[in-house]
PDB file of N, CA and C in Angstrom:
ATOM      1  N   MET A   1    -188.667 -67.828 -29.903  1.00  0.00           N
ATOM      2  CA  MET A   1    -189.415 -67.097 -30.493  1.00  0.00           C
ATOM      3  C   MET A   1    -189.088 -65.601 -30.483  1.00  0.00           C
ATOM      4  N   ARG A   2    -188.776 -64.976 -31.548  1.00  0.00           N
ATOM      5  CA  ARG A   2    -188.134 -63.597 -31.822  1.00  0.00           C
ATOM      6  C   ARG A   2    -188.852 -62.657 -32.903  1.00  0.00           C
ATOM      7  N   ILE A   3    -189.124 -61.538 -32.478  1.00  0.00           N
ATOM      8  CA  ILE A   3    -189.448 -60.932 -33.377  1.00  0.00           C
ATOM      9  C   ILE A   3    -188.520 -60.341 -34.711  1.00  0.00           C
ATOM     10  N   ARG A   4    -189.130 -60.857 -35.637  1.00  0.00           N
ATOM     11  CA  ARG A   4    -187.892 -60.202 -37.091  1.00  0.00           C
ATOM     12  C   ARG A   4    -187.462 -58.909 -36.930  1.00  0.00           C
ATOM     13  N   LYS A   5    -186.202 -58.734 -37.253  1.00  0.00           N
ATOM     14  CA  LYS A   5    -185.242 -57.555 -37.056  1.00  0.00           C
ATOM     15  C   LYS A   5    -186.131 -56.518 -38.050  1.00  0.00           C
ATOM     16  N   ASN A   6    -186.831 -56.798 -38.892  1.00  0.00           N
ATOM     17  CA  ASN A   6    -186.760 -55.721 -39.974  1.00  0.00           C
ATOM     18  C   ASN A   6    -188.656 -54.963 -39.379  1.00  0.00           C
ATOM     19  N   ILE A   7    -189.110 -55.693 -38.437  1.00  0.00           N
ATOM     20  CA  ILE A   7    -190.211 -55.391 -37.970  1.00  0.00           C
ATOM     21  C   ILE A   7    -190.127 -54.166 -37.333  1.00  0.00           C
ATOM     22  N   ALA A   8    -191.020 -52.830 -37.614  1.00  0.00           N
ATOM     23  CA  ALA A   8    -191.062 -51.775 -36.458  1.00  0.00           C
ATOM     24  C   ALA A   8    -192.390 -51.935 -35.573  1.00  0.00           C
ATOM     25  N   VAL A   9    -191.873 -51.347 -34.665  1.00  0.00           N
ATOM     26  CA  VAL A   9    -192.752 -51.618 -33.351  1.00  0.00           C
ATOM     27  C   VAL A   9    -192.895 -50.437 -32.147  1.00  0.00           C
ATOM     28  N   SER A  10    -193.975 -49.839 -32.413  1.00  0.00           N
ATOM     29  CA  SER A  10    -194.028 -48.807 -31.406  1.00  0.00           C
ATOM     30  C   SER A  10    -194.514 -49.237 -29.913  1.00  0.00           C
ATOM     31  N   GLU A  11    -194.193 -48.134 -29.312  1.00  0.00           N
ATOM     32  CA  GLU A  11    -194.459 -48.224 -27.742  1.00  0.00           C
ATOM     33  C   GLU A  11    -196.126 -48.454 -27.562  1.00  0.00           C
ATOM     34  N   GLU A  12    -196.838 -48.327 -28.312  1.00  0.00           N
ATOM     35  CA  GLU A  12    -198.606 -48.531 -28.636  1.00  0.00           C
ATOM     36  C   GLU A  12    -198.951 -49.775 -28.827  1.00  0.00           C
ATOM     37  N   GLY A  13    -197.730 -50.639 -29.397  1.00  0.00           N
ATOM     38  CA  GLY A  13    -198.241 -51.876 -29.942  1.00  0.00           C
ATOM     39  C   GLY A  13    -198.703 -51.793 -31.545  1.00  0.00           C
ATOM     40  N   PHE A  14    -198.199 -50.903 -32.082  1.00  0.00           N
ATOM     41  CA  PHE A  14    -198.282 -50.951 -33.684  1.00  0.00           C
ATOM     42  C   PHE A  14    -197.206 -51.495 -34.127  1.00  0.00           C
ATOM     43  N   LEU A  15    -197.481 -52.375 -35.248  1.00  0.00           N
ATOM     44  CA  LEU A  15    -196.497 -53.290 -35.671  1.00  0.00           C
ATOM     45  C   LEU A  15    -196.447 -52.959 -37.239  1.00  0.00           C
ATOM     46  N   PHE A  16    -195.469 -52.841 -37.812  1.00  0.00           N
ATOM     47  CA  PHE A  16    -195.024 -52.623 -39.378  1.00  0.00           C
ATOM     48  C   PHE A  16    -194.290 -53.464 -40.195  1.00  0.00           C
ATOM     49  N   ASN A  17    -194.624 -54.240 -41.086  1.00  0.00           N
ATOM     50  CA  ASN A  17    -193.679 -55.047 -41.677  1.00  0.00           C
ATOM     51  C   ASN A  17    -193.405 -54.444 -43.098  1.00  0.00           C
ATOM     52  N   PRO A  18    -192.228 -53.915 -42.740  1.00  0.00           N
ATOM     53  CA  PRO A  18    -191.946 -53.390 -44.563  1.00  0.00           C
ATOM     54  C   PRO A  18    -191.462 -54.423 -45.617  1.00  0.00           C
ATOM     55  N   ALA A  19    -191.471 -55.431 -45.240  1.00  0.00           N
ATOM     56  CA  ALA A  19    -191.216 -56.146 -46.148  1.00  0.00           C
ATOM     57  C   ALA A  19    -192.884 -56.572 -47.146  1.00  0.00           C
ATOM     58  N   THR A  20    -193.519 -56.379 -46.332  1.00  0.00           N
ATOM     59  CA  THR A  20    -195.074 -56.866 -47.106  1.00  0.00           C
ATOM     60  C   THR A  20    -195.669 -55.485 -47.021  1.00  0.00           C
ATOM     61  N   GLY A  21    -195.457 -54.614 -46.398  1.00  0.00           N
ATOM     62  CA  GLY A  21    -196.085 -53.428 -46.221  1.00  0.00           C
ATOM     63  C   GLY A  21    -197.553 -53.624 -45.195  1.00  0.00           C
ATOM     64  N   ASP A  22    -197.322 -54.627 -44.697  1.00  0.00           N
ATOM     65  CA  ASP A  22    -198.603 -54.806 -43.703  1.00  0.00           C
ATOM     66  C   ASP A  22    -198.466 -53.983 -42.332  1.00  0.00           C
ATOM     67  N   SER A  23    -199.624 -53.435 -41.691  1.00  0.00           N
ATOM     68  CA  SER A  23    -199.595 -53.012 -40.435  1.00  0.00           C
ATOM     69  C   SER A  23    -200.601 -53.646 -39.542  1.00  0.00           C
ATOM     70  N   PHE A  24    -200.267 -53.517 -38.350  1.00  0.00           N
ATOM     71  CA  PHE A  24    -201.151 -54.257 -37.463  1.00  0.00           C
ATOM     72  C   PHE A  24    -201.065 -53.533 -35.835  1.00  0.00           C
ATOM     73  N   SER A  25    -202.134 -53.419 -35.117  1.00  0.00           N
ATOM     74  CA  SER A  25    -202.091 -52.707 -34.063  1.00  0.00           C
ATOM     75  C   SER A  25    -202.635 -53.798 -32.989  1.00  0.00           C
ATOM     76  N   THR A  26    -202.243 -54.009 -31.990  1.00  0.00           N
ATOM     77  CA  THR A  26    -202.866 -54.721 -30.540  1.00  0.00           C
ATOM     78  C   THR A  26    -203.026 -53.841 -29.352  1.00  0.00           C
ATOM     79  N   ASN A  27    -204.056 -54.915 -28.607  1.00  0.00           N
ATOM     80  CA  ASN A  27    -204.319 -53.792 -27.423  1.00  0.00           C
ATOM     81  C   ASN A  27    -203.277 -54.180 -26.300  1.00  0.00           C
ATOM     82  N   GLY A  28    -203.452 -53.927 -25.255  1.00  0.00           N
ATOM     83  CA  GLY A  28    -202.566 -53.345 -24.187  1.00  0.00           C
ATOM     84  C   GLY A  28    -201.825 -54.876 -23.778  1.00  0.00           C
ATOM     85  N   ILE A  29    -202.114 -55.883 -23.656  1.00  0.00           N
ATOM     86  CA  ILE A  29    -201.716 -57.123 -23.423  1.00  0.00           C
ATOM     87  C   ILE A  29    -200.875 -57.327 -24.560  1.00  0.00           C
ATOM     88  N   GLY A  30    -201.245 -57.530 -25.795  1.00  0.00           N
ATOM     89  CA  GLY A  30    -200.894 -57.553 -26.652  1.00  0.00           C
ATOM     90  C   GLY A  30    -199.507 -56.799 -27.051  1.00  0.00           C
ATOM     91  N   SER A  31    -199.523 -55.528 -26.653  1.00  0.00           N
ATOM     92  CA  SER A  31    -198.308 -54.628 -26.578  1.00  0.00           C
ATOM     93  C   SER A  31    -197.326 -55.506 -25.660  1.00  0.00           C
ATOM     94  N   GLU A  32    -197.607 -55.769 -24.397  1.00  0.00           N
ATOM     95  CA  GLU A  32    -196.712 -56.120 -23.549  1.00  0.00           C
ATOM     96  C   GLU A  32    -196.182 -57.566 -24.194  1.00  0.00           C
ATOM     97  N   ILE A  33    -196.700 -58.316 -24.953  1.00  0.00           N
ATOM     98  CA  ILE A  33    -196.267 -59.816 -25.099  1.00  0.00           C
ATOM     99  C   ILE A  33    -195.186 -59.237 -26.155  1.00  0.00           C
ATOM    100  N   ILE A  34    -195.369 -58.287 -27.033  1.00  0.00           N
ATOM    101  CA  ILE A  34    -194.540 -57.680 -28.271  1.00  0.00           C
ATOM    102  C   ILE A  34    -193.375 -57.715 -27.505  1.00  0.00           C
ATOM    103  N   ARG A  35    -193.467 -56.424 -26.632  1.00  0.00           N
ATOM    104  CA  ARG A  35    -192.192 -56.113 -25.853  1.00  0.00           C
ATOM    105  C   ARG A  35    -191.451 -57.029 -25.331  1.00  0.00           C
ATOM    106  N   MET A  36    -192.017 -57.875 -24.473  1.00  0.00           N
ATOM    107  CA  MET A  36    -191.346 -59.217 -23.847  1.00  0.00           C
ATOM    108  C   MET A  36    -190.748 -59.940 -25.206  1.00  0.00           C
ATOM    109  N   LEU A  37    -191.225 -60.106 -26.080  1.00  0.00           N
ATOM    110  CA  LEU A  37    -190.568 -60.897 -27.001  1.00  0.00           C
ATOM    111  C   LEU A  37    -189.607 -60.573 -27.901  1.00  0.00           C
ATOM    112  N   LYS A  38    -189.303 -58.937 -27.914  1.00  0.00           N
ATOM    113  CA  LYS A  38    -188.408 -58.597 -28.270  1.00  0.00           C
ATOM    114  C   LYS A  38    -187.154 -58.421 -27.280  1.00  0.00           C
ATOM    115  N   GLN A  39    -187.524 -58.862 -26.125  1.00  0.00           N
ATOM    116  CA  GLN A  39    -186.263 -58.737 -25.384  1.00  0.00           C
ATOM    117  C   GLN A  39    -185.976 -60.427 -24.981  1.00  0.00           C
ATOM    118  N   ASP A  40    -186.304 -61.330 -26.013  1.00  0.00           N
ATOM    119  CA  ASP A  40    -186.293 -62.477 -25.951  1.00  0.00           C
ATOM    120  C   ASP A  40    -186.391 -63.394 -24.928  1.00  0.00           C
ATOM    121  N   LYS A  41    -187.744 -63.035 -24.265  1.00  0.00           N
ATOM    122  CA  LYS A  41    -188.290 -63.727 -23.164  1.00  0.00           C
ATOM    123  C   LYS A  41    -188.868 -64.821 -23.885  1.00  0.00           C
ATOM    124  N   SER A  42    -188.935 -66.049 -22.908  1.00  0.00           N
ATOM    125  CA  SER A  42    -189.687 -67.355 -23.458  1.00  0.00           C
ATOM    126  C   SER A  42    -190.881 -67.311 -23.027  1.00  0.00           C
ATOM    127  N   THR A  43    -191.958 -68.277 -23.787  1.00  0.00           N
ATOM    128  CA  THR A  43    -193.385 -68.051 -23.514  1.00  0.00           C
ATOM    129  C   THR A  43    -193.661 -68.424 -21.993  1.00  0.00           C
ATOM    130  N   HIS A  44    -193.039 -68.964 -21.124  1.00  0.00           N
ATOM    131  CA  HIS A  44    -193.039 -69.269 -19.977  1.00  0.00           C
ATOM    132  C   HIS A  44    -193.067 -68.203 -18.751  1.00  0.00           C
ATOM    133  N   GLU A  45    -191.797 -67.349 -19.384  1.00  0.00           N
ATOM    134  CA  GLU A  45    -191.321 -66.186 -18.648  1.00  0.00           C
ATOM    135  C   GLU A  45    -192.839 -64.996 -19.130  1.00  0.00           C
ATOM    136  N   ILE A  46    -192.908 -65.316 -20.207  1.00  0.00           N
ATOM    137  CA  ILE A  46    -194.116 -64.388 -20.808  1.00  0.00           C
ATOM    138  C   ILE A  46    -195.500 -64.829 -19.977  1.00  0.00           C
ATOM    139  N   THR A  47    -195.902 -65.801 -19.829  1.00  0.00           N
ATOM    140  CA  THR A  47    -196.978 -66.258 -19.122  1.00  0.00           C
ATOM    141  C   THR A  47    -196.839 -65.998 -17.452  1.00  0.00           C
ATOM    142  N   ASP A  48    -195.809 -65.898 -17.097  1.00  0.00           N
ATOM    143  CA  ASP A  48    -195.465 -65.706 -15.594  1.00  0.00           C
ATOM    144  C   ASP A  48    -195.568 -64.328 -15.469  1.00  0.00           C
ATOM    145  N   GLU A  49    -195.222 -63.301 -16.385  1.00  0.00           N
ATOM    146  CA  GLU A  49    -195.133 -61.805 -16.067  1.00  0.00           C
ATOM    147  C   GLU A  49    -196.861 -61.221 -16.194  1.00  0.00           C
ATOM    148  N   ILE A  50    -197.196 -62.179 -17.058  1.00  0.00           N
ATOM    149  CA  ILE A  50    -198.794 -61.447 -17.530  1.00  0.00           C
ATOM    150  C   ILE A  50    -199.879 -62.109 -16.307  1.00  0.00           C
ATOM    151  N   CYS A  51    -199.177 -63.431 -15.995  1.00  0.00           N
ATOM    152  CA  CYS A  51    -200.293 -63.907 -15.045  1.00  0.00           C
ATOM    153  C   CYS A  51    -200.111 -63.262 -13.528  1.00  0.00           C
ATOM    154  N   ARG A  52    -198.758 -62.430 -13.233  1.00  0.00           N
ATOM    155  CA  ARG A  52    -198.570 -61.974 -12.003  1.00  0.00           C
ATOM    156  C   ARG A  52    -199.469 -60.385 -12.209  1.00  0.00           C
ATOM    157  N   GLY A  53    -199.443 -59.956 -13.171  1.00  0.00           N
ATOM    158  CA  GLY A  53    -199.644 -58.433 -13.302  1.00  0.00           C
ATOM    159  C   GLY A  53    -201.542 -58.599 -13.720  1.00  0.00           C
ATOM    160  N   TYR A  54    -201.984 -59.573 -14.013  1.00  0.00           N
ATOM    161  CA  TYR A  54    -203.353 -59.379 -14.276  1.00  0.00           C
ATOM    162  C   TYR A  54    -203.991 -60.861 -13.727  1.00  0.00           C
ATOM    163  N   ASP A  55    -205.339 -60.545 -13.497  1.00  0.00           N
ATOM    164  CA  ASP A  55    -206.106 -61.631 -12.836  1.00  0.00           C
ATOM    165  C   ASP A  55    -206.648 -62.339 -14.025  1.00  0.00           C
ATOM    166  N   VAL A  56    -205.662 -63.223 -14.378  1.00  0.00           N
ATOM    167  CA  VAL A  56    -206.169 -64.126 -15.491  1.00  0.00           C
ATOM    168  C   VAL A  56    -205.756 -65.781 -15.308  1.00  0.00           C
ATOM    169  N   ASP A  57    -206.546 -66.525 -15.852  1.00  0.00           N
ATOM    170  CA  ASP A  57    -206.247 -68.085 -15.682  1.00  0.00           C
ATOM    171  C   ASP A  57    -205.101 -68.426 -16.366  1.00  0.00           C
ATOM    172  N   ARG A  58    -204.112 -69.013 -15.631  1.00  0.00           N
ATOM    173  CA  ARG A  58    -203.157 -69.420 -16.695  1.00  0.00           C
ATOM    174  C   ARG A  58    -203.021 -70.321 -17.831  1.00  0.00           C
ATOM    175  N   LEU A  59    -203.915 -71.292 -17.853  1.00  0.00           N
ATOM    176  CA  LEU A  59    -204.284 -72.205 -18.733  1.00  0.00           C
ATOM    177  C   LEU A  59    -205.078 -71.361 -20.000  1.00  0.00           C
ATOM    178  N   LEU A  60    -205.777 -70.557 -19.624  1.00  0.00           N
ATOM    179  CA  LEU A  60    -206.466 -70.089 -20.348  1.00  0.00           C
ATOM    180  C   LEU A  60    -205.820 -68.774 -21.207  1.00  0.00           C
ATOM    181  N   PHE A  61    -204.371 -68.008 -20.593  1.00  0.00           N
ATOM    182  CA  PHE A  61    -203.708 -67.437 -21.332  1.00  0.00           C
ATOM    183  C   PHE A  61    -202.674 -67.924 -21.729  1.00  0.00           C
ATOM    184  N   GLU A  62    -202.410 -68.985 -21.597  1.00  0.00           N
ATOM    185  CA  GLU A  62    -201.158 -70.135 -22.503  1.00  0.00           C
ATOM    186  C   GLU A  62    -201.884 -70.352 -23.822  1.00  0.00           C
ATOM    187  N   ARG A  63    -203.138 -70.926 -23.697  1.00  0.00           N
ATOM    188  CA  ARG A  63    -203.983 -71.189 -24.856  1.00  0.00           C
ATOM    189  C   ARG A  63    -204.026 -69.800 -25.854  1.00  0.00           C
ATOM    190  N   ASP A  64    -204.190 -68.597 -24.958  1.00  0.00           N
ATOM    191  CA  ASP A  64    -204.519 -67.143 -26.095  1.00  0.00           C
ATOM    192  C   ASP A  64    -203.099 -66.772 -26.382  1.00  0.00           C
ATOM    193  N   LEU A  65    -202.060 -67.071 -25.379  1.00  0.00           N
ATOM    194  CA  LEU A  65    -200.481 -66.403 -26.012  1.00  0.00           C
ATOM    195  C   LEU A  65    -200.340 -67.747 -27.181  1.00  0.00           C
ATOM    196  N   ASP A  66    -200.671 -68.890 -27.098  1.00  0.00           N
ATOM    197  CA  ASP A  66    -200.213 -69.970 -28.861  1.00  0.00           C
ATOM    198  C   ASP A  66    -201.069 -69.032 -29.836  1.00  0.00           C
ATOM    199  N   GLU A  67    -202.101 -68.706 -29.435  1.00  0.00           N
ATOM    200  CA  GLU A  67    -203.105 -68.349 -30.799  1.00  0.00           C
ATOM    201  C   GLU A  67    -202.589 -67.083 -31.039  1.00  0.00           C
ATOM    202  N   PHE A  68    -202.129 -66.334 -30.150  1.00  0.00           N
ATOM    203  CA  PHE A  68    -201.330 -64.959 -30.694  1.00  0.00           C
ATOM    204  C   PHE A  68    -200.263 -65.168 -31.520  1.00  0.00           C
ATOM    205  N   THR A  69    -199.205 -65.901 -30.788  1.00  0.00           N
ATOM    206  CA  THR A  69    -198.006 -66.035 -31.570  1.00  0.00           C
ATOM    207  C   THR A  69    -198.253 -66.821 -32.814  1.00  0.00           C
ATOM    208  N   ALA A  70    -199.037 -67.719 -33.130  1.00  0.00           N
ATOM    209  CA  ALA A  70    -199.569 -68.289 -34.187  1.00  0.00           C
ATOM    210  C   ALA A  70    -199.657 -67.312 -35.192  1.00  0.00           C
ATOM    211  N   LEU A  71    -200.762 -66.413 -34.981  1.00  0.00           N
ATOM    212  CA  LEU A  71    -201.142 -65.324 -35.699  1.00  0.00           C
ATOM    213  C   LEU A  71    -199.692 -64.471 -36.459  1.00  0.00           C
ATOM    214  N   LEU A  72    -198.868 -64.122 -35.189  1.00  0.00           N
ATOM    215  CA  LEU A  72    -197.695 -63.334 -35.703  1.00  0.00           C
ATOM    216  C   LEU A  72    -196.970 -64.014 -36.669  1.00  0.00           C
ATOM    217  N   LYS A  73    -196.976 -65.495 -36.300  1.00  0.00           N
ATOM    218  CA  LYS A  73    -195.664 -66.339 -37.207  1.00  0.00           C
ATOM    219  C   LYS A  73    -196.551 -66.265 -38.922  1.00  0.00           C
ATOM    220  N   ASP A  74    -197.952 -66.397 -38.885  1.00  0.00           N
ATOM    221  CA  ASP A  74    -198.890 -66.315 -39.906  1.00  0.00           C
ATOM    222  C   ASP A  74    -198.466 -65.158 -40.876  1.00  0.00           C
ATOM    223  N   TYR A  75    -198.227 -64.009 -40.183  1.00  0.00           N
ATOM    224  CA  TYR A  75    -198.296 -62.383 -40.773  1.00  0.00           C
ATOM    225  C   TYR A  75    -196.716 -62.276 -40.547  1.00  0.00           C
ATOM    226  N   SER A  76    -195.633 -63.411 -40.425  1.00  0.00           N
ATOM    227  CA  SER A  76    -194.634 -63.169 -40.353  1.00  0.00           C
ATOM    228  C   SER A  76    -193.855 -62.275 -39.757  1.00  0.00           C
ATOM    229  N   ILE A  77    -194.527 -61.832 -38.751  1.00  0.00           N
ATOM    230  CA  ILE A  77    -193.922 -61.098 -37.603  1.00  0.00           C
ATOM    231  C   ILE A  77    -192.589 -61.737 -37.050  1.00  0.00           C
ATOM    232  N   LEU A  78    -192.882 -63.021 -36.432  1.00  0.00           N
ATOM    233  CA  LEU A  78    -191.892 -63.762 -35.659  1.00  0.00           C
ATOM    234  C   LEU A  78    -190.955 -64.747 -36.773  1.00  0.00           C
ATOM    235  N   GLU A  79    -190.006 -64.971 -36.416  1.00  0.00           N
ATOM    236  CA  GLU A  79    -188.671 -65.852 -36.980  1.00  0.00           C
ATOM    237  C   GLU A  79    -189.656 -67.169 -37.015  1.00  0.00           C
TER     238      GLU A  79
END
């Protein structure tokens, strides 16, 4: 998975898609996920990092990550 090249992303997790004019904002963990996707990290690597940094159940986070990336795909944020 990869963030589309034309998507503008701020440090705070604000995303803007100039092709559609849509903008989105994420929470802190969403911002970290976006940052890691921009670094071409795999979902496994993202899961490892988030689970190391936060007290979160791995299976629950994997499900949430799947839902989050599905939304990003629906909004044409991911390739």
